[in-house]
Amino acid sequence: DIGCHLKVKQLQVEKKEFFNQLEEYYDAF
């Protein structure tokens, strides 16, 4: 459980640009 929360936070930081691009794709299509 603790590792899960830490891993989610890590993904949110490391993949921020990737996630932003996915949100832009979603918004466009």
Full PDB file with SEQRES, HELIX, SHEET, SSBOND, CRYST1, ORIGX, SCALE, CONECT and MASTER records, all heavy atoms in Angstrom:
SEQRES   1 A   29  ASP ILE GLY CYS HIS LEU LYS VAL LYS GLN LEU GLN VAL          
SEQRES   2 A   29  GLU LYS LYS GLU PHE PHE ASN GLN LEU GLU GLU TYR TYR          
SEQRES   3 A   29  ASP ALA PHE                                                  
HELIX    1 AA1 ILE A    2  GLU A   14  1                                  13    
HELIX    2 AA2 LYS A   16  ALA A   28  1                                  13    
CRYST1    1.000    1.000    1.000  90.00  90.00  90.00 P 1           1          
ORIGX1      1.000000  0.000000  0.000000        0.00000                         
ORIGX2      0.000000  1.000000  0.000000        0.00000                         
ORIGX3      0.000000  0.000000  1.000000        0.00000                         
SCALE1      1.000000  0.000000  0.000000        0.00000                         
SCALE2      0.000000  1.000000  0.000000        0.00000                         
SCALE3      0.000000  0.000000  1.000000        0.00000                         
ATOM      1  N   ASP A   1       0.817  -1.213   0.000  1.00  0.00           N  
ATOM      2  CA  ASP A   1       0.000   0.000   0.000  1.00  0.00           C  
ATOM      3  C   ASP A   1       0.854   1.266   0.000  1.00  0.00           C  
ATOM      4  O   ASP A   1       0.615   2.189  -0.779  1.00  0.00           O  
ATOM      5  CB  ASP A   1      -0.942  -0.010   1.208  1.00  0.00           C  
ATOM      6  CG  ASP A   1      -1.986   1.075   1.132  1.00  0.00           C  
ATOM      7  OD1 ASP A   1      -2.553   1.276   0.031  1.00  0.00           O  
ATOM      8  OD2 ASP A   1      -2.250   1.732   2.158  1.00  0.00           O  
ATOM      9  N   ILE A   2       1.864   1.311   0.848  1.00  0.00           N  
ATOM     10  CA  ILE A   2       2.742   2.490   0.917  1.00  0.00           C  
ATOM     11  C   ILE A   2       3.524   2.633  -0.380  1.00  0.00           C  
ATOM     12  O   ILE A   2       3.606   3.717  -0.961  1.00  0.00           O  
ATOM     13  CB  ILE A   2       3.690   2.403   2.131  1.00  0.00           C  
ATOM     14  CG1 ILE A   2       2.864   2.466   3.417  1.00  0.00           C  
ATOM     15  CG2 ILE A   2       4.732   3.506   2.090  1.00  0.00           C  
ATOM     16  CD1 ILE A   2       3.647   2.159   4.677  1.00  0.00           C  
ATOM     17  N   GLY A   3       4.087   1.525  -0.853  1.00  0.00           N  
ATOM     18  CA  GLY A   3       4.823   1.548  -2.114  1.00  0.00           C  
ATOM     19  C   GLY A   3       3.943   1.970  -3.277  1.00  0.00           C  
ATOM     20  O   GLY A   3       4.385   2.664  -4.190  1.00  0.00           O  
ATOM     21  N   CYS A   4       2.682   1.582  -3.221  1.00  0.00           N  
ATOM     22  CA  CYS A   4       1.725   1.943  -4.265  1.00  0.00           C  
ATOM     23  C   CYS A   4       1.551   3.459  -4.329  1.00  0.00           C  
ATOM     24  O   CYS A   4       1.640   4.061  -5.400  1.00  0.00           O  
ATOM     25  CB  CYS A   4       0.396   1.254  -3.997  1.00  0.00           C  
ATOM     26  SG  CYS A   4      -0.884   1.677  -5.190  1.00  0.00           S  
ATOM     27  N   HIS A   5       1.313   4.081  -3.187  1.00  0.00           N  
ATOM     28  CA  HIS A   5       1.134   5.534  -3.160  1.00  0.00           C  
ATOM     29  C   HIS A   5       2.397   6.256  -3.617  1.00  0.00           C  
ATOM     30  O   HIS A   5       2.324   7.245  -4.361  1.00  0.00           O  
ATOM     31  CB  HIS A   5       0.728   6.001  -1.762  1.00  0.00           C  
ATOM     32  CG  HIS A   5      -0.639   5.554  -1.361  1.00  0.00           C  
ATOM     33  ND1 HIS A   5      -1.792   5.979  -1.985  1.00  0.00           N  
ATOM     34  CD2 HIS A   5      -1.048   4.690  -0.407  1.00  0.00           C  
ATOM     35  CE1 HIS A   5      -2.836   5.409  -1.438  1.00  0.00           C  
ATOM     36  NE2 HIS A   5      -2.416   4.615  -0.469  1.00  0.00           N  
ATOM     37  N   LEU A   6       3.558   5.764  -3.192  1.00  0.00           N  
ATOM     38  CA  LEU A   6       4.820   6.373  -3.613  1.00  0.00           C  
ATOM     39  C   LEU A   6       5.036   6.217  -5.115  1.00  0.00           C  
ATOM     40  O   LEU A   6       5.501   7.145  -5.792  1.00  0.00           O  
ATOM     41  CB  LEU A   6       5.988   5.760  -2.840  1.00  0.00           C  
ATOM     42  CG  LEU A   6       6.042   6.059  -1.341  1.00  0.00           C  
ATOM     43  CD1 LEU A   6       7.146   5.247  -0.677  1.00  0.00           C  
ATOM     44  CD2 LEU A   6       6.245   7.545  -1.092  1.00  0.00           C  
ATOM     45  N   LYS A   7       4.693   5.053  -5.646  1.00  0.00           N  
ATOM     46  CA  LYS A   7       4.867   4.786  -7.079  1.00  0.00           C  
ATOM     47  C   LYS A   7       3.933   5.670  -7.910  1.00  0.00           C  
ATOM     48  O   LYS A   7       4.321   6.167  -8.967  1.00  0.00           O  
ATOM     49  CB  LYS A   7       4.622   3.305  -7.367  1.00  0.00           C  
ATOM     50  CG  LYS A   7       4.944   2.891  -8.773  1.00  0.00           C  
ATOM     51  CD  LYS A   7       6.424   2.902  -9.015  1.00  0.00           C  
ATOM     52  CE  LYS A   7       6.727   2.348 -10.400  1.00  0.00           C  
ATOM     53  NZ  LYS A   7       8.109   2.577 -10.775  1.00  0.00           N  
ATOM     54  N   VAL A   8       2.704   5.883  -7.427  1.00  0.00           N  
ATOM     55  CA  VAL A   8       1.773   6.768  -8.133  1.00  0.00           C  
ATOM     56  C   VAL A   8       2.353   8.178  -8.177  1.00  0.00           C  
ATOM     57  O   VAL A   8       2.361   8.829  -9.229  1.00  0.00           O  
ATOM     58  CB  VAL A   8       0.373   6.759  -7.477  1.00  0.00           C  
ATOM     59  CG1 VAL A   8      -0.483   7.917  -8.005  1.00  0.00           C  
ATOM     60  CG2 VAL A   8      -0.323   5.434  -7.714  1.00  0.00           C  
ATOM     61  N   LYS A   9       2.852   8.656  -7.060  1.00  0.00           N  
ATOM     62  CA  LYS A   9       3.455   9.998  -7.012  1.00  0.00           C  
ATOM     63  C   LYS A   9       4.655  10.083  -7.955  1.00  0.00           C  
ATOM     64  O   LYS A   9       4.833  11.082  -8.659  1.00  0.00           O  
ATOM     65  CB  LYS A   9       3.897  10.351  -5.585  1.00  0.00           C  
ATOM     66  CG  LYS A   9       2.757  10.505  -4.618  1.00  0.00           C  
ATOM     67  CD  LYS A   9       1.917  11.713  -4.946  1.00  0.00           C  
ATOM     68  CE  LYS A   9       0.802  11.878  -3.930  1.00  0.00           C  
ATOM     69  NZ  LYS A   9      -0.240  12.766  -4.407  1.00  0.00           N  
ATOM     70  N   GLN A  10       5.467   9.031  -7.978  1.00  0.00           N  
ATOM     71  CA  GLN A  10       6.622   8.990  -8.861  1.00  0.00           C  
ATOM     72  C   GLN A  10       6.184   9.064 -10.325  1.00  0.00           C  
ATOM     73  O   GLN A  10       6.761   9.822 -11.111  1.00  0.00           O  
ATOM     74  CB  GLN A  10       7.422   7.709  -8.610  1.00  0.00           C  
ATOM     75  CG  GLN A  10       8.638   7.561  -9.497  1.00  0.00           C  
ATOM     76  CD  GLN A  10       9.349   6.232  -9.306  1.00  0.00           C  
ATOM     77  OE1 GLN A  10       8.905   5.368  -8.542  1.00  0.00           O  
ATOM     78  NE2 GLN A  10      10.442   6.052 -10.000  1.00  0.00           N  
ATOM     79  N   LEU A  11       5.160   8.310 -10.689  1.00  0.00           N  
ATOM     80  CA  LEU A  11       4.651   8.354 -12.062  1.00  0.00           C  
ATOM     81  C   LEU A  11       4.140   9.745 -12.415  1.00  0.00           C  
ATOM     82  O   LEU A  11       4.388  10.247 -13.513  1.00  0.00           O  
ATOM     83  CB  LEU A  11       3.522   7.339 -12.255  1.00  0.00           C  
ATOM     84  CG  LEU A  11       3.906   5.877 -12.382  1.00  0.00           C  
ATOM     85  CD1 LEU A  11       2.654   5.011 -12.465  1.00  0.00           C  
ATOM     86  CD2 LEU A  11       4.799   5.633 -13.578  1.00  0.00           C  
ATOM     87  N   GLN A  12       3.427  10.366 -11.482  1.00  0.00           N  
ATOM     88  CA  GLN A  12       2.869  11.694 -11.737  1.00  0.00           C  
ATOM     89  C   GLN A  12       3.965  12.717 -11.993  1.00  0.00           C  
ATOM     90  O   GLN A  12       3.784  13.637 -12.791  1.00  0.00           O  
ATOM     91  CB  GLN A  12       1.979  12.129 -10.574  1.00  0.00           C  
ATOM     92  CG  GLN A  12       0.689  11.344 -10.504  1.00  0.00           C  
ATOM     93  CD  GLN A  12      -0.098  11.591  -9.230  1.00  0.00           C  
ATOM     94  OE1 GLN A  12       0.467  11.889  -8.186  1.00  0.00           O  
ATOM     95  NE2 GLN A  12      -1.408  11.448  -9.316  1.00  0.00           N  
ATOM     96  N   VAL A  13       5.107  12.558 -11.343  1.00  0.00           N  
ATOM     97  CA  VAL A  13       6.228  13.480 -11.544  1.00  0.00           C  
ATOM     98  C   VAL A  13       6.988  13.131 -12.819  1.00  0.00           C  
ATOM     99  O   VAL A  13       7.199  13.978 -13.693  1.00  0.00           O  
ATOM    100  CB  VAL A  13       7.180  13.462 -10.321  1.00  0.00           C  
ATOM    101  CG1 VAL A  13       8.462  14.203 -10.615  1.00  0.00           C  
ATOM    102  CG2 VAL A  13       6.477  14.039  -9.101  1.00  0.00           C  
ATOM    103  N   GLU A  14       7.399  11.858 -12.951  1.00  0.00           N  
ATOM    104  CA  GLU A  14       8.240  11.449 -14.072  1.00  0.00           C  
ATOM    105  C   GLU A  14       7.508  11.461 -15.410  1.00  0.00           C  
ATOM    106  O   GLU A  14       8.118  11.679 -16.455  1.00  0.00           O  
ATOM    107  CB  GLU A  14       8.812  10.057 -13.813  1.00  0.00           C  
ATOM    108  CG  GLU A  14       9.822  10.028 -12.687  1.00  0.00           C  
ATOM    109  CD  GLU A  14      10.377   8.646 -12.410  1.00  0.00           C  
ATOM    110  OE1 GLU A  14       9.977   7.672 -13.089  1.00  0.00           O  
ATOM    111  OE2 GLU A  14      11.216   8.538 -11.498  1.00  0.00           O  
ATOM    112  N   LYS A  15       6.219  11.215 -15.395  1.00  0.00           N  
ATOM    113  CA  LYS A  15       5.444  11.125 -16.633  1.00  0.00           C  
ATOM    114  C   LYS A  15       4.535  12.335 -16.841  1.00  0.00           C  
ATOM    115  O   LYS A  15       3.602  12.287 -17.631  1.00  0.00           O  
ATOM    116  CB  LYS A  15       4.583   9.850 -16.621  1.00  0.00           C  
ATOM    117  CG  LYS A  15       5.347   8.564 -16.444  1.00  0.00           C  
ATOM    118  CD  LYS A  15       6.119   8.206 -17.665  1.00  0.00           C  
ATOM    119  CE  LYS A  15       6.753   6.826 -17.523  1.00  0.00           C  
ATOM    120  NZ  LYS A  15       7.592   6.513 -18.671  1.00  0.00           N  
ATOM    121  N   LYS A  16       4.830  13.420 -16.150  1.00  0.00           N  
ATOM    122  CA  LYS A  16       3.962  14.601 -16.211  1.00  0.00           C  
ATOM    123  C   LYS A  16       3.742  15.077 -17.646  1.00  0.00           C  
ATOM    124  O   LYS A  16       2.604  15.318 -18.067  1.00  0.00           O  
ATOM    125  CB  LYS A  16       4.541  15.727 -15.350  1.00  0.00           C  
ATOM    126  CG  LYS A  16       3.656  16.943 -15.316  1.00  0.00           C  
ATOM    127  CD  LYS A  16       4.180  18.016 -14.390  1.00  0.00           C  
ATOM    128  CE  LYS A  16       3.196  19.175 -14.415  1.00  0.00           C  
ATOM    129  NZ  LYS A  16       3.379  20.102 -13.349  1.00  0.00           N  
ATOM    130  N   GLU A  17       4.808  15.230 -18.408  1.00  0.00           N  
ATOM    131  CA  GLU A  17       4.679  15.697 -19.784  1.00  0.00           C  
ATOM    132  C   GLU A  17       3.888  14.696 -20.634  1.00  0.00           C  
ATOM    133  O   GLU A  17       3.021  15.081 -21.422  1.00  0.00           O  
ATOM    134  CB  GLU A  17       6.069  15.926 -20.391  1.00  0.00           C  
ATOM    135  CG  GLU A  17       6.025  16.555 -21.761  1.00  0.00           C  
ATOM    136  CD  GLU A  17       7.402  16.883 -22.297  1.00  0.00           C  
ATOM    137  OE1 GLU A  17       8.299  17.194 -21.505  1.00  0.00           O  
ATOM    138  OE2 GLU A  17       7.549  16.831 -23.525  1.00  0.00           O  
ATOM    139  N   PHE A  18       4.167  13.417 -20.458  1.00  0.00           N  
ATOM    140  CA  PHE A  18       3.446  12.358 -21.171  1.00  0.00           C  
ATOM    141  C   PHE A  18       1.956  12.419 -20.842  1.00  0.00           C  
ATOM    142  O   PHE A  18       1.104  12.374 -21.737  1.00  0.00           O  
ATOM    143  CB  PHE A  18       4.051  11.003 -20.782  1.00  0.00           C  
ATOM    144  CG  PHE A  18       3.408   9.808 -21.424  1.00  0.00           C  
ATOM    145  CD1 PHE A  18       3.439   9.626 -22.798  1.00  0.00           C  
ATOM    146  CD2 PHE A  18       2.777   8.845 -20.646  1.00  0.00           C  
ATOM    147  CE1 PHE A  18       2.850   8.514 -23.391  1.00  0.00           C  
ATOM    148  CE2 PHE A  18       2.196   7.732 -21.225  1.00  0.00           C  
ATOM    149  CZ  PHE A  18       2.235   7.566 -22.604  1.00  0.00           C  
ATOM    150  N   PHE A  19       1.625  12.553 -19.559  1.00  0.00           N  
ATOM    151  CA  PHE A  19       0.235  12.631 -19.134  1.00  0.00           C  
ATOM    152  C   PHE A  19      -0.440  13.893 -19.674  1.00  0.00           C  
ATOM    153  O   PHE A  19      -1.598  13.859 -20.086  1.00  0.00           O  
ATOM    154  CB  PHE A  19       0.123  12.575 -17.605  1.00  0.00           C  
ATOM    155  CG  PHE A  19       0.484  11.239 -17.003  1.00  0.00           C  
ATOM    156  CD1 PHE A  19       0.815  11.157 -15.671  1.00  0.00           C  
ATOM    157  CD2 PHE A  19       0.497  10.076 -17.751  1.00  0.00           C  
ATOM    158  CE1 PHE A  19       1.140   9.928 -15.091  1.00  0.00           C  
ATOM    159  CE2 PHE A  19       0.818   8.846 -17.198  1.00  0.00           C  
ATOM    160  CZ  PHE A  19       1.141   8.774 -15.858  1.00  0.00           C  
ATOM    161  N   ASN A  20       0.290  15.007 -19.691  1.00  0.00           N  
ATOM    162  CA  ASN A  20      -0.259  16.249 -20.251  1.00  0.00           C  
ATOM    163  C   ASN A  20      -0.594  16.080 -21.738  1.00  0.00           C  
ATOM    164  O   ASN A  20      -1.624  16.563 -22.211  1.00  0.00           O  
ATOM    165  CB  ASN A  20       0.704  17.416 -20.063  1.00  0.00           C  
ATOM    166  CG  ASN A  20       0.757  17.916 -18.633  1.00  0.00           C  
ATOM    167  OD1 ASN A  20      -0.142  17.659 -17.836  1.00  0.00           O  
ATOM    168  ND2 ASN A  20       1.822  18.616 -18.299  1.00  0.00           N  
ATOM    169  N   GLN A  21       0.272  15.385 -22.462  1.00  0.00           N  
ATOM    170  CA  GLN A  21       0.024  15.141 -23.883  1.00  0.00           C  
ATOM    171  C   GLN A  21      -1.196  14.236 -24.077  1.00  0.00           C  
ATOM    172  O   GLN A  21      -1.986  14.444 -25.003  1.00  0.00           O  
ATOM    173  CB  GLN A  21       1.264  14.532 -24.545  1.00  0.00           C  
ATOM    174  CG  GLN A  21       2.412  15.511 -24.640  1.00  0.00           C  
ATOM    175  CD  GLN A  21       3.714  14.875 -25.070  1.00  0.00           C  
ATOM    176  OE1 GLN A  21       3.885  13.659 -25.006  1.00  0.00           O  
ATOM    177  NE2 GLN A  21       4.656  15.705 -25.505  1.00  0.00           N  
ATOM    178  N   LEU A  22      -1.367  13.263 -23.193  1.00  0.00           N  
ATOM    179  CA  LEU A  22      -2.553  12.404 -23.268  1.00  0.00           C  
ATOM    180  C   LEU A  22      -3.826  13.212 -23.006  1.00  0.00           C  
ATOM    181  O   LEU A  22      -4.841  13.010 -23.674  1.00  0.00           O  
ATOM    182  CB  LEU A  22      -2.451  11.245 -22.270  1.00  0.00           C  
ATOM    183  CG  LEU A  22      -1.471  10.134 -22.635  1.00  0.00           C  
ATOM    184  CD1 LEU A  22      -1.250   9.200 -21.449  1.00  0.00           C  
ATOM    185  CD2 LEU A  22      -1.970   9.350 -23.842  1.00  0.00           C  
ATOM    186  N   GLU A  23      -3.755  14.134 -22.063  1.00  0.00           N  
ATOM    187  CA  GLU A  23      -4.909  14.991 -21.781  1.00  0.00           C  
ATOM    188  C   GLU A  23      -5.233  15.878 -22.984  1.00  0.00           C  
ATOM    189  O   GLU A  23      -6.406  16.078 -23.313  1.00  0.00           O  
ATOM    190  CB  GLU A  23      -4.658  15.846 -20.537  1.00  0.00           C  
ATOM    191  CG  GLU A  23      -4.684  15.058 -19.248  1.00  0.00           C  
ATOM    192  CD  GLU A  23      -4.302  15.865 -18.020  1.00  0.00           C  
ATOM    193  OE1 GLU A  23      -3.750  16.982 -18.150  1.00  0.00           O  
ATOM    194  OE2 GLU A  23      -4.557  15.357 -16.915  1.00  0.00           O  
ATOM    195  N   GLU A  24      -4.209  16.368 -23.667  1.00  0.00           N  
ATOM    196  CA  GLU A  24      -4.414  17.181 -24.860  1.00  0.00           C  
ATOM    197  C   GLU A  24      -5.055  16.338 -25.971  1.00  0.00           C  
ATOM    198  O   GLU A  24      -5.952  16.805 -26.678  1.00  0.00           O  
ATOM    199  CB  GLU A  24      -3.089  17.786 -25.334  1.00  0.00           C  
ATOM    200  CG  GLU A  24      -2.571  18.873 -24.436  1.00  0.00           C  
ATOM    201  CD  GLU A  24      -1.172  19.354 -24.814  1.00  0.00           C  
ATOM    202  OE1 GLU A  24      -0.673  19.014 -25.903  1.00  0.00           O  
ATOM    203  OE2 GLU A  24      -0.570  20.083 -23.997  1.00  0.00           O  
ATOM    204  N   TYR A  25      -4.592  15.122 -26.127  1.00  0.00           N  
ATOM    205  CA  TYR A  25      -5.163  14.192 -27.109  1.00  0.00           C  
ATOM    206  C   TYR A  25      -6.636  13.961 -26.790  1.00  0.00           C  
ATOM    207  O   TYR A  25      -7.502  14.042 -27.667  1.00  0.00           O  
ATOM    208  CB  TYR A  25      -4.396  12.855 -27.092  1.00  0.00           C  
ATOM    209  CG  TYR A  25      -5.001  11.796 -27.965  1.00  0.00           C  
ATOM    210  CD1 TYR A  25      -4.624  11.667 -29.305  1.00  0.00           C  
ATOM    211  CD2 TYR A  25      -5.948  10.892 -27.478  1.00  0.00           C  
ATOM    212  CE1 TYR A  25      -5.179  10.699 -30.129  1.00  0.00           C  
ATOM    213  CE2 TYR A  25      -6.501   9.913 -28.278  1.00  0.00           C  
ATOM    214  CZ  TYR A  25      -6.116   9.821 -29.601  1.00  0.00           C  
ATOM    215  OH  TYR A  25      -6.673   8.853 -30.406  1.00  0.00           O  
ATOM    216  N   TYR A  26      -6.925  13.694 -25.524  1.00  0.00           N  
ATOM    217  CA  TYR A  26      -8.300  13.449 -25.098  1.00  0.00           C  
ATOM    218  C   TYR A  26      -9.173  14.665 -25.381  1.00  0.00           C  
ATOM    219  O   TYR A  26     -10.280  14.540 -25.900  1.00  0.00           O  
ATOM    220  CB  TYR A  26      -8.321  13.084 -23.614  1.00  0.00           C  
ATOM    221  CG  TYR A  26      -9.700  12.740 -23.099  1.00  0.00           C  
ATOM    222  CD1 TYR A  26     -10.240  11.477 -23.322  1.00  0.00           C  
ATOM    223  CD2 TYR A  26     -10.467  13.667 -22.410  1.00  0.00           C  
ATOM    224  CE1 TYR A  26     -11.507  11.142 -22.871  1.00  0.00           C  
ATOM    225  CE2 TYR A  26     -11.735  13.349 -21.958  1.00  0.00           C  
ATOM    226  CZ  TYR A  26     -12.245  12.081 -22.182  1.00  0.00           C  
ATOM    227  OH  TYR A  26     -13.504  11.769 -21.741  1.00  0.00           O  
ATOM    228  N   ASP A  27      -8.660  15.836 -25.047  1.00  0.00           N  
ATOM    229  CA  ASP A  27      -9.416  17.068 -25.266  1.00  0.00           C  
ATOM    230  C   ASP A  27      -9.699  17.289 -26.747  1.00  0.00           C  
ATOM    231  O   ASP A  27     -10.789  17.720 -27.124  1.00  0.00           O  
ATOM    232  CB  ASP A  27      -8.617  18.261 -24.688  1.00  0.00           C  
ATOM    233  CG  ASP A  27      -9.419  19.549 -24.700  1.00  0.00           C  
ATOM    234  OD1 ASP A  27     -10.586  19.521 -24.272  1.00  0.00           O  
ATOM    235  OD2 ASP A  27      -8.868  20.569 -25.127  1.00  0.00           O  
ATOM    236  N   ALA A  28      -8.749  16.952 -27.600  1.00  0.00           N  
ATOM    237  CA  ALA A  28      -8.900  17.164 -29.034  1.00  0.00           C  
ATOM    238  C   ALA A  28      -9.853  16.170 -29.691  1.00  0.00           C  
ATOM    239  O   ALA A  28     -10.610  16.525 -30.600  1.00  0.00           O  
ATOM    240  CB  ALA A  28      -7.538  17.093 -29.729  1.00  0.00           C  
ATOM    241  N   PHE A  29      -9.840  14.913 -29.218  1.00  0.00           N  
ATOM    242  CA  PHE A  29     -10.605  13.861 -29.907  1.00  0.00           C  
ATOM    243  C   PHE A  29     -11.866  13.420 -29.192  1.00  0.00           C  
ATOM    244  O   PHE A  29     -12.677  12.697 -29.750  1.00  0.00           O  
ATOM    245  CB  PHE A  29      -9.693  12.658 -30.179  1.00  0.00           C  
ATOM    246  CG  PHE A  29      -8.638  12.950 -31.204  1.00  0.00           C  
ATOM    247  CD1 PHE A  29      -7.358  13.313 -30.795  1.00  0.00           C  
ATOM    248  CD2 PHE A  29      -8.907  12.898 -32.546  1.00  0.00           C  
ATOM    249  CE1 PHE A  29      -6.371  13.608 -31.728  1.00  0.00           C  
ATOM    250  CE2 PHE A  29      -7.942  13.180 -33.488  1.00  0.00           C  
ATOM    251  CZ  PHE A  29      -6.657  13.549 -33.075  1.00  0.00           C  
TER     252      PHE A  29                                                      
MASTER        0    0    0    2    0    0    0    6  251    1    0    3          
END                                                                             
